C-alpha atoms as a PDB file:
ATOM      1  CA  MET A   1     197.229 322.265  89.935  1.00  0.00           C
ATOM      2  CA  PRO A   2     194.019 321.069  88.274  1.00  0.00           C
ATOM      3  CA  PHE A   3     192.543 317.837  89.516  1.00  0.00           C
ATOM      4  CA  PHE A   4     193.447 314.897  87.279  1.00  0.00           C
ATOM      5  CA  GLN A   5     190.906 313.798  84.724  1.00  0.00           C
ATOM      6  CA  VAL A   6     191.088 310.855  82.346  1.00  0.00           C
ATOM      7  CA  ALA A   7     190.416 312.255  78.895  1.00  0.00           C
ATOM      8  CA  HIS A   8     189.455 308.891  77.428  1.00  0.00           C
ATOM      9  CA  PRO A   9     188.183 306.215  79.829  1.00  0.00           C
ATOM     10  CA  VAL A  10     190.175 303.009  79.633  1.00  0.00           C
ATOM     11  CA  ALA A  11     188.284 299.802  79.052  1.00  0.00           C
ATOM     12  CA  VAL A  12     189.428 297.234  81.615  1.00  0.00           C
ATOM     13  CA  ARG A  13     188.622 293.587  81.118  1.00  0.00           C
ATOM     14  CA  SER A  14     188.250 291.250  84.041  1.00  0.00           C
ATOM     15  CA  VAL A  15     190.977 288.693  84.638  1.00  0.00           C
ATOM     16  CA  ALA A  16     190.230 285.488  86.490  1.00  0.00           C
ATOM     17  CA  PRO A  17     192.228 285.153  89.715  1.00  0.00           C
ATOM     18  CA  ALA A  18     195.291 283.011  89.313  1.00  0.00           C
ATOM     19  CA  THR A  19     195.697 279.751  91.184  1.00  0.00           C
ATOM     20  CA  PRO A  20     197.742 280.467  94.329  1.00  0.00           C
ATOM     21  CA  MET A  21     201.363 279.342  94.229  1.00  0.00           C
ATOM     22  CA  VAL A  22     201.928 276.660  96.868  1.00  0.00           C
ATOM     23  CA  SER A  23     205.622 277.529  96.934  1.00  0.00           C
ATOM     24  CA  ALA A  24     205.065 281.221  97.765  1.00  0.00           C
ATOM     25  CA  ARG A  25     207.493 282.256 100.482  1.00  0.00           C
ATOM     26  CA  PRO A  26     206.573 284.486 103.436  1.00  0.00           C
ATOM     27  CA  VAL A  27     207.861 288.074 103.547  1.00  0.00           C
ATOM     28  CA  ASP A  28     207.443 290.359 106.558  1.00  0.00           C
ATOM     29  CA  LEU A  29     207.505 293.619 104.578  1.00  0.00           C
ATOM     30  CA  LEU A  30     207.494 294.089 100.798  1.00  0.00           C
ATOM     31  CA  VAL A  31     208.308 297.407  99.093  1.00  0.00           C
ATOM     32  CA  ILE A  32     207.768 298.065  95.384  1.00  0.00           C
ATOM     33  CA  SER A  33     207.751 301.329  93.476  1.00  0.00           C
ATOM     34  CA  ASP A  34     207.694 302.790  89.967  1.00  0.00           C
ATOM     35  CA  VAL A  35     205.555 300.140  88.308  1.00  0.00           C
ATOM     36  CA  HIS A  36     203.963 302.660  85.913  1.00  0.00           C
ATOM     37  CA  LEU A  37     200.846 300.639  85.197  1.00  0.00           C
ATOM     38  CA  GLY A  38     199.175 302.096  82.120  1.00  0.00           C
ATOM     39  CA  THR A  39     202.361 302.576  80.073  1.00  0.00           C
ATOM     40  CA  PRO A  40     204.011 300.359  77.410  1.00  0.00           C
ATOM     41  CA  PRO A  41     207.358 299.990  79.269  1.00  0.00           C
ATOM     42  CA  CYS A  42     205.662 298.529  82.368  1.00  0.00           C
ATOM     43  CA  ARG A  43     206.920 294.973  82.975  1.00  0.00           C
ATOM     44  CA  ALA A  44     203.629 293.820  84.466  1.00  0.00           C
ATOM     45  CA  ASP A  45     204.134 290.154  83.546  1.00  0.00           C
ATOM     46  CA  ALA A  46     207.444 290.031  85.426  1.00  0.00           C
ATOM     47  CA  LEU A  47     205.913 291.812  88.422  1.00  0.00           C
ATOM     48  CA  LEU A  48     202.919 289.468  88.468  1.00  0.00           C
ATOM     49  CA  ALA A  49     205.218 286.433  88.509  1.00  0.00           C
ATOM     50  CA  TYR A  50     207.101 287.935  91.454  1.00  0.00           C
ATOM     51  CA  LEU A  51     203.930 288.845  93.357  1.00  0.00           C
ATOM     52  CA  ARG A  52     202.708 285.259  92.959  1.00  0.00           C
ATOM     53  CA  SER A  53     205.960 283.995  94.498  1.00  0.00           C
ATOM     54  CA  VAL A  54     205.568 285.776  97.862  1.00  0.00           C
ATOM     55  CA  THR A  55     203.051 286.091 100.689  1.00  0.00           C
ATOM     56  CA  PRO A  56     203.753 289.374 102.508  1.00  0.00           C
ATOM     57  CA  ARG A  57     202.445 290.467 105.893  1.00  0.00           C
ATOM     58  CA  GLU A  58     202.699 294.153 104.916  1.00  0.00           C
ATOM     59  CA  VAL A  59     203.126 295.930 101.571  1.00  0.00           C
ATOM     60  CA  ILE A  60     204.330 299.469 100.934  1.00  0.00           C
ATOM     61  CA  LEU A  61     203.707 300.774  97.423  1.00  0.00           C
ATOM     62  CA  ASN A  62     206.291 303.550  97.259  1.00  0.00           C
ATOM     63  CA  GLY A  63     204.901 305.741  94.484  1.00  0.00           C
ATOM     64  CA  ASP A  64     204.229 305.700  90.738  1.00  0.00           C
ATOM     65  CA  ILE A  65     202.364 302.395  90.839  1.00  0.00           C
ATOM     66  CA  PHE A  66     199.802 303.802  88.406  1.00  0.00           C
ATOM     67  CA  ASP A  67     201.054 306.311  85.855  1.00  0.00           C
ATOM     68  CA  LEU A  68     198.221 308.834  85.939  1.00  0.00           C
ATOM     69  CA  ARG A  69     200.119 311.118  83.556  1.00  0.00           C
ATOM     70  CA  GLU A  70     200.030 308.542  80.788  1.00  0.00           C
ATOM     71  CA  LEU A  71     196.836 306.650  81.620  1.00  0.00           C
ATOM     72  CA  ARG A  72     194.733 309.066  79.592  1.00  0.00           C
ATOM     73  CA  ARG A  73     196.467 307.762  76.444  1.00  0.00           C
ATOM     74  CA  GLY A  74     194.411 304.599  76.825  1.00  0.00           C
ATOM     75  CA  TYR A  75     197.215 302.028  77.111  1.00  0.00           C
ATOM     76  CA  TRP A  76     196.182 299.151  79.397  1.00  0.00           C
ATOM     77  CA  ARG A  77     196.766 295.407  79.204  1.00  0.00           C
ATOM     78  CA  ARG A  78     195.309 292.349  80.922  1.00  0.00           C
ATOM     79  CA  SER A  79     198.569 291.916  82.829  1.00  0.00           C
ATOM     80  CA  HIS A  80     198.136 295.415  84.297  1.00  0.00           C
ATOM     81  CA  THR A  81     194.677 294.443  85.556  1.00  0.00           C
ATOM     82  CA  ALA A  82     196.085 291.203  86.966  1.00  0.00           C
ATOM     83  CA  VAL A  83     198.726 293.125  88.983  1.00  0.00           C
ATOM     84  CA  ALA A  84     196.077 295.450  90.430  1.00  0.00           C
ATOM     85  CA  GLN A  85     193.858 292.468  91.247  1.00  0.00           C
ATOM     86  CA  ARG A  86     196.697 290.678  93.017  1.00  0.00           C
ATOM     87  CA  LEU A  87     197.309 293.687  95.263  1.00  0.00           C
ATOM     88  CA  LEU A  88     193.603 294.042  96.002  1.00  0.00           C
ATOM     89  CA  GLU A  89     193.375 290.326  96.827  1.00  0.00           C
ATOM     90  CA  TRP A  90     196.106 290.771  99.427  1.00  0.00           C
ATOM     91  CA  ALA A  91     194.286 293.740 100.973  1.00  0.00           C
ATOM     92  CA  ARG A  92     191.049 291.762 101.009  1.00  0.00           C
ATOM     93  CA  ASP A  93     192.844 288.924 102.796  1.00  0.00           C
ATOM     94  CA  GLY A  94     194.071 291.264 105.548  1.00  0.00           C
ATOM     95  CA  VAL A  95     197.510 292.334 104.308  1.00  0.00           C
ATOM     96  CA  GLN A  96     198.189 295.906 105.475  1.00  0.00           C
ATOM     97  CA  MET A  97     198.915 298.010 102.376  1.00  0.00           C
ATOM     98  CA  SER A  98     200.201 301.603 102.297  1.00  0.00           C
ATOM     99  CA  TYR A  99     200.252 303.548  99.038  1.00  0.00           C
ATOM    100  CA  VAL A 100     202.848 306.340  99.182  1.00  0.00           C
ATOM    101  CA  THR A 101     202.132 308.909  96.480  1.00  0.00           C
ATOM    102  CA  GLY A 102     204.689 309.713  93.774  1.00  0.00           C
ATOM    103  CA  ASN A 103     205.102 312.296  91.032  1.00  0.00           C
ATOM    104  CA  HIS A 104     203.389 310.233  88.299  1.00  0.00           C
ATOM    105  CA  ASP A 105     200.400 309.624  90.580  1.00  0.00           C
ATOM    106  CA  GLU A 106     200.583 312.963  92.396  1.00  0.00           C
ATOM    107  CA  ALA A 107     196.887 313.632  91.739  1.00  0.00           C
ATOM    108  CA  LEU A 108     196.330 311.206  94.630  1.00  0.00           C
ATOM    109  CA  ARG A 109     197.975 313.752  96.926  1.00  0.00           C
ATOM    110  CA  PHE A 110     194.687 315.658  96.861  1.00  0.00           C
ATOM    111  CA  VAL A 111     193.174 312.805  98.873  1.00  0.00           C
ATOM    112  CA  SER A 112     196.191 311.578 100.873  1.00  0.00           C
ATOM    113  CA  SER A 113     195.533 310.357 104.415  1.00  0.00           C
ATOM    114  CA  PHE A 114     192.571 308.424 103.002  1.00  0.00           C
ATOM    115  CA  ALA A 115     192.106 304.876 104.264  1.00  0.00           C
ATOM    116  CA  ALA A 116     189.666 302.127 103.349  1.00  0.00           C
ATOM    117  CA  GLY A 117     189.869 298.682 104.869  1.00  0.00           C
ATOM    118  CA  HIS A 118     193.476 297.545 104.837  1.00  0.00           C
ATOM    119  CA  ILE A 119     194.598 300.169 102.267  1.00  0.00           C
ATOM    120  CA  ALA A 120     195.942 303.578 103.337  1.00  0.00           C
ATOM    121  CA  LEU A 121     196.944 306.434 101.036  1.00  0.00           C
ATOM    122  CA  VAL A 122     199.793 308.595 102.395  1.00  0.00           C
ATOM    123  CA  ASP A 123     202.475 311.009 101.207  1.00  0.00           C
ATOM    124  CA  THR A 124     205.174 309.603 103.524  1.00  0.00           C
ATOM    125  CA  LEU A 125     205.321 306.771 106.016  1.00  0.00           C
ATOM    126  CA  GLU A 126     207.372 305.941 109.090  1.00  0.00           C
ATOM    127  CA  ARG A 127     208.313 302.550 110.527  1.00  0.00           C
ATOM    128  CA  THR A 128     210.858 301.419 113.104  1.00  0.00           C
ATOM    129  CA  LEU A 129     212.755 298.503 111.547  1.00  0.00           C
ATOM    130  CA  GLY A 130     215.753 296.811 113.104  1.00  0.00           C
ATOM    131  CA  GLY A 131     215.880 299.557 115.705  1.00  0.00           C
ATOM    132  CA  LYS A 132     216.116 302.255 113.026  1.00  0.00           C
ATOM    133  CA  ARG A 133     213.597 305.028 112.530  1.00  0.00           C
ATOM    134  CA  THR A 134     212.858 304.518 108.837  1.00  0.00           C
ATOM    135  CA  TRP A 135     211.207 306.969 106.432  1.00  0.00           C
ATOM    136  CA  PHE A 136     209.371 305.865 103.303  1.00  0.00           C
ATOM    137  CA  VAL A 137     209.098 308.603 100.669  1.00  0.00           C
ATOM    138  CA  HIS A 138     208.872 308.358  96.880  1.00  0.00           C
ATOM    139  CA  GLY A 139     211.731 310.797  96.270  1.00  0.00           C
ATOM    140  CA  ASP A 140     210.529 313.381  93.756  1.00  0.00           C
ATOM    141  CA  VAL A 141     210.519 316.086  96.442  1.00  0.00           C
ATOM    142  CA  VAL A 142     214.177 315.313  97.167  1.00  0.00           C
ATOM    143  CA  GLU A 143     215.152 315.505  93.500  1.00  0.00           C
ATOM    144  CA  ARG A 144     213.469 318.890  93.119  1.00  0.00           C
ATOM    145  CA  GLY A 145     215.709 320.090  95.958  1.00  0.00           C
ATOM    146  CA  LEU A 146     218.874 319.304  93.989  1.00  0.00           C
ATOM    147  CA  CYS A 147     218.489 322.663  92.213  1.00  0.00           C
ATOM    148  CA  THR A 148     218.510 321.077  88.769  1.00  0.00           C
ATOM    149  CA  SER A 149     216.856 323.563  86.441  1.00  0.00           C
ATOM    150  CA  ALA A 150     213.370 322.848  85.142  1.00  0.00           C
ATOM    151  CA  VAL A 151     214.780 322.909  81.607  1.00  0.00           C
ATOM    152  CA  MET A 152     217.377 320.244  82.417  1.00  0.00           C
ATOM    153  CA  ARG A 153     214.780 318.077  84.162  1.00  0.00           C
ATOM    154  CA  ARG A 154     212.529 318.392  81.125  1.00  0.00           C
ATOM    155  CA  LEU A 155     215.367 317.533  78.740  1.00  0.00           C
ATOM    156  CA  GLY A 156     216.251 314.520  80.851  1.00  0.00           C
ATOM    157  CA  CYS A 157     212.637 313.352  80.781  1.00  0.00           C
ATOM    158  CA  LEU A 158     212.398 313.817  77.021  1.00  0.00           C
ATOM    159  CA  GLY A 159     215.668 311.958  76.508  1.00  0.00           C
ATOM    160  CA  TYR A 160     214.470 309.059  78.648  1.00  0.00           C
ATOM    161  CA  HIS A 161     211.215 308.759  76.700  1.00  0.00           C
ATOM    162  CA  ALA A 162     213.116 308.998  73.411  1.00  0.00           C
ATOM    163  CA  LEU A 163     215.286 306.050  74.440  1.00  0.00           C
ATOM    164  CA  ARG A 164     212.202 304.085  75.447  1.00  0.00           C
ATOM    165  CA  GLY A 165     210.638 304.900  72.074  1.00  0.00           C
ATOM    166  CA  ILE A 166     213.485 303.481  70.004  1.00  0.00           C
ATOM    167  CA  GLU A 167     214.051 300.508  72.287  1.00  0.00           C
ATOM    168  CA  SER A 168     211.341 298.391  70.639  1.00  0.00           C
ATOM    169  CA  PRO A 169     212.694 298.594  67.057  1.00  0.00           C
ATOM    170  CA  VAL A 170     216.262 298.162  68.303  1.00  0.00           C
ATOM    171  CA  ASN A 171     215.327 295.012  70.205  1.00  0.00           C
ATOM    172  CA  GLY A 172     213.353 293.793  67.195  1.00  0.00           C
ATOM    173  CA  ALA A 173     216.547 293.974  65.176  1.00  0.00           C
ATOM    174  CA  ARG A 174     218.501 292.276  67.969  1.00  0.00           C
ATOM    175  CA  ARG A 175     216.024 289.380  68.002  1.00  0.00           C
ATOM    176  CA  LEU A 176     216.527 288.896  64.259  1.00  0.00           C
ATOM    177  CA  LEU A 177     220.254 288.665  64.954  1.00  0.00           C
ATOM    178  CA  GLY A 178     219.709 286.155  67.735  1.00  0.00           C
ATOM    179  CA  LEU A 179     220.665 288.650  70.464  1.00  0.00           C
ATOM    180  CA  ALA A 180     218.980 289.174  73.824  1.00  0.00           C
ATOM    181  CA  PRO A 181     216.895 292.334  74.395  1.00  0.00           C
ATOM    182  CA  ALA A 182     218.768 295.361  75.738  1.00  0.00           C
ATOM    183  CA  SER A 183     217.603 298.261  77.917  1.00  0.00           C
ATOM    184  CA  LEU A 184     218.878 301.499  76.412  1.00  0.00           C
ATOM    185  CA  ALA A 185     217.581 303.485  79.380  1.00  0.00           C
ATOM    186  CA  ARG A 186     219.524 301.297  81.802  1.00  0.00           C
ATOM    187  CA  ALA A 187     222.649 301.620  79.680  1.00  0.00           C
ATOM    188  CA  ALA A 188     222.288 305.427  79.670  1.00  0.00           C
ATOM    189  CA  LYS A 189     222.295 305.432  83.467  1.00  0.00           C
ATOM    190  CA  ARG A 190     225.860 304.079  83.385  1.00  0.00           C
ATOM    191  CA  LEU A 191     227.118 307.238  81.711  1.00  0.00           C
ATOM    192  CA  PRO A 192     229.339 309.385  83.994  1.00  0.00           C
ATOM    193  CA  SER A 193     226.908 312.326  84.033  1.00  0.00           C
ATOM    194  CA  ALA A 194     224.014 310.019  84.932  1.00  0.00           C
ATOM    195  CA  ARG A 195     226.050 308.311  87.655  1.00  0.00           C
ATOM    196  CA  ARG A 196     226.913 311.697  89.155  1.00  0.00           C
ATOM    197  CA  HIS A 197     223.236 312.670  89.259  1.00  0.00           C
ATOM    198  CA  ILE A 198     222.278 309.335  90.838  1.00  0.00           C
ATOM    199  CA  THR A 199     224.943 309.737  93.531  1.00  0.00           C
ATOM    200  CA  ARG A 200     223.797 313.316  94.207  1.00  0.00           C
ATOM    201  CA  TYR A 201     220.233 312.063  94.583  1.00  0.00           C
ATOM    202  CA  GLU A 202     221.210 309.272  96.974  1.00  0.00           C
ATOM    203  CA  ASP A 203     223.320 311.643  99.094  1.00  0.00           C
ATOM    204  CA  ALA A 204     220.484 314.198  99.117  1.00  0.00           C
ATOM    205  CA  CYS A 205     218.017 311.528 100.289  1.00  0.00           C
ATOM    206  CA  ALA A 206     220.314 310.621 103.179  1.00  0.00           C
ATOM    207  CA  ALA A 207     220.757 314.291 104.138  1.00  0.00           C
ATOM    208  CA  PHE A 208     216.992 314.832 103.869  1.00  0.00           C
ATOM    209  CA  ALA A 209     216.338 311.882 106.183  1.00  0.00           C
ATOM    210  CA  ALA A 210     218.988 312.978 108.703  1.00  0.00           C
ATOM    211  CA  ALA A 211     217.576 316.508 108.789  1.00  0.00           C
ATOM    212  CA  HIS A 212     214.216 315.059 109.835  1.00  0.00           C
ATOM    213  CA  GLY A 213     215.702 312.761 112.467  1.00  0.00           C
ATOM    214  CA  TYR A 214     215.565 309.466 110.572  1.00  0.00           C
ATOM    215  CA  ASP A 215     218.162 306.698 110.602  1.00  0.00           C
ATOM    216  CA  ALA A 216     217.124 305.199 107.242  1.00  0.00           C
ATOM    217  CA  ILE A 217     215.260 306.211 104.112  1.00  0.00           C
ATOM    218  CA  VAL A 218     213.461 303.965 101.620  1.00  0.00           C
ATOM    219  CA  THR A 219     212.779 305.582  98.278  1.00  0.00           C
ATOM    220  CA  GLY A 220     212.270 305.000  94.550  1.00  0.00           C
ATOM    221  CA  HIS A 221     211.722 307.565  91.777  1.00  0.00           C
ATOM    222  CA  ILE A 222     215.016 307.347  89.860  1.00  0.00           C
ATOM    223  CA  HIS A 223     214.580 303.711  88.721  1.00  0.00           C
ATOM    224  CA  VAL A 224     217.955 302.670  90.145  1.00  0.00           C
ATOM    225  CA  ALA A 225     217.839 299.969  92.813  1.00  0.00           C
ATOM    226  CA  ASN A 226     220.556 300.346  95.423  1.00  0.00           C
ATOM    227  CA  GLN A 227     221.483 300.077  99.083  1.00  0.00           C
ATOM    228  CA  ARG A 228     224.155 302.251 100.702  1.00  0.00           C
ATOM    229  CA  GLU A 229     225.341 303.440 104.085  1.00  0.00           C
ATOM    230  CA  ILE A 230     225.861 307.190 103.678  1.00  0.00           C
ATOM    231  CA  ALA A 231     227.751 309.442 106.092  1.00  0.00           C
ATOM    232  CA  VAL A 232     225.882 312.640 106.955  1.00  0.00           C
ATOM    233  CA  GLY A 233     227.987 314.711 109.312  1.00  0.00           C
ATOM    234  CA  SER A 234     228.705 312.617 112.388  1.00  0.00           C
ATOM    235  CA  ARG A 235     225.995 310.044 111.682  1.00  0.00           C
ATOM    236  CA  THR A 236     225.287 307.359 109.098  1.00  0.00           C
ATOM    237  CA  VAL A 237     221.997 306.992 107.249  1.00  0.00           C
ATOM    238  CA  SER A 238     220.919 303.767 105.530  1.00  0.00           C
ATOM    239  CA  TYR A 239     219.713 304.401 101.974  1.00  0.00           C
ATOM    240  CA  HIS A 240     217.463 301.870 100.242  1.00  0.00           C
ATOM    241  CA  ASN A 241     215.959 302.240  96.764  1.00  0.00           C
ATOM    242  CA  SER A 242     213.493 299.601  95.559  1.00  0.00           C
ATOM    243  CA  GLY A 243     214.199 300.309  91.868  1.00  0.00           C
ATOM    244  CA  ASP A 244     211.339 299.843  89.422  1.00  0.00           C
ATOM    245  CA  TRP A 245     209.336 297.482  87.222  1.00  0.00           C
ATOM    246  CA  VAL A 246     210.336 299.125  83.952  1.00  0.00           C
ATOM    247  CA  ASP A 247     214.088 298.494  83.764  1.00  0.00           C
ATOM    248  CA  SER A 248     215.493 296.719  86.818  1.00  0.00           C
ATOM    249  CA  CYS A 249     212.414 294.684  87.897  1.00  0.00           C
ATOM    250  CA  SER A 250     213.398 294.896  91.550  1.00  0.00           C
ATOM    251  CA  ALA A 251     211.853 295.114  94.999  1.00  0.00           C
ATOM    252  CA  LEU A 252     212.884 295.387  98.632  1.00  0.00           C
ATOM    253  CA  GLU A 253     212.020 292.831 101.268  1.00  0.00           C
ATOM    254  CA  HIS A 254     212.520 293.201 105.006  1.00  0.00           C
ATOM    255  CA  SER A 255     212.445 290.575 107.721  1.00  0.00           C
ATOM    256  CA  ALA A 256     212.963 290.899 111.438  1.00  0.00           C
ATOM    257  CA  ASP A 257     215.705 288.253 111.323  1.00  0.00           C
ATOM    258  CA  ASP A 258     217.665 289.210 108.201  1.00  0.00           C
ATOM    259  CA  GLY A 259     216.952 292.914 107.691  1.00  0.00           C
ATOM    260  CA  TRP A 260     216.750 294.387 104.183  1.00  0.00           C
ATOM    261  CA  ARG A 261     217.158 292.383 101.011  1.00  0.00           C
ATOM    262  CA  LEU A 262     217.124 293.717  97.433  1.00  0.00           C
ATOM    263  CA  VAL A 263     215.561 291.177  95.055  1.00  0.00           C
ATOM    264  CA  HIS A 264     215.150 291.050  91.288  1.00  0.00           C
ATOM    265  CA  GLY A 265     212.138 289.506  89.580  1.00  0.00           C
END
C-alpha cells in the first residue's frame, strides 16, 4: 500500500479558541469515532458544541476522525479546524488521548504505536472498565472477516455516497416545503438487508472479542450507535458502538459509578 500523500495541500485558517463553557460536565472516559473531518457530510458544528459541553479525563478517538481518503479533495471548513483545536487543547491540558486508527485514516497505521505528549496513536487499545476486560477497535478488520465480497462492499460504498450526494438537494426542497432535514443514509440503514448486515457485524464483533479473551468491545465503523449484550457460546460479551458524527451525532461516555452511556449531540 503506498504511503498516503495529499495531492493538493489544504489551506487551514486559524480559529480563535472558544470561551470555555462554565457548565461543562465532567466525564471519566469519552469515546468518539467516525467524524470524517475533511468531508462535506461531517457534522463538525454539532460535534464542537458537544465537545464544549464536557470535560473528560480521558478521550479515545476510535478511528476515522480525519478522512484521509477524501482530504486530498480540498474540502475543509473552519468548524473542522475548531474541532481539531479543541482536541489538541485537551491534550495540552493533560487529558490522555488515544487515537485508534480506522480504515479512512489507515495511512496512520504505518506509524502506529507513536506517542507524543498526552497523545498516543494505536491500532487497538485495552482497558479494564467495570471489571470487564474491554477492547477498543475501529471495526473495519471485523467487517472484512464477514466474507462479504469486495464487489458488494464497493457497491455498498458507492450507494452510500450516492445517497449522501442527493441528500443536499432533497433537503433543500424539504426546507422550501417547511419540512425538517432528513438523513437518507440513516433511513437506508432501516432496510431489512441493511439491518441484517448490521446485526451480523455486531455479532461478529462480539465473537472477535471473545476469541481474544475480552469481555467487552467498543467499536465504530458502521455509523450505527448501539449497545447490546451478545451471547457467544457460554459467555456474554458487551458490545458498544459510538456511532458517528455524520448521521447519528453520537458518542459513548463511561464513568466508574454509572458505567457506559450512549449520548447524542
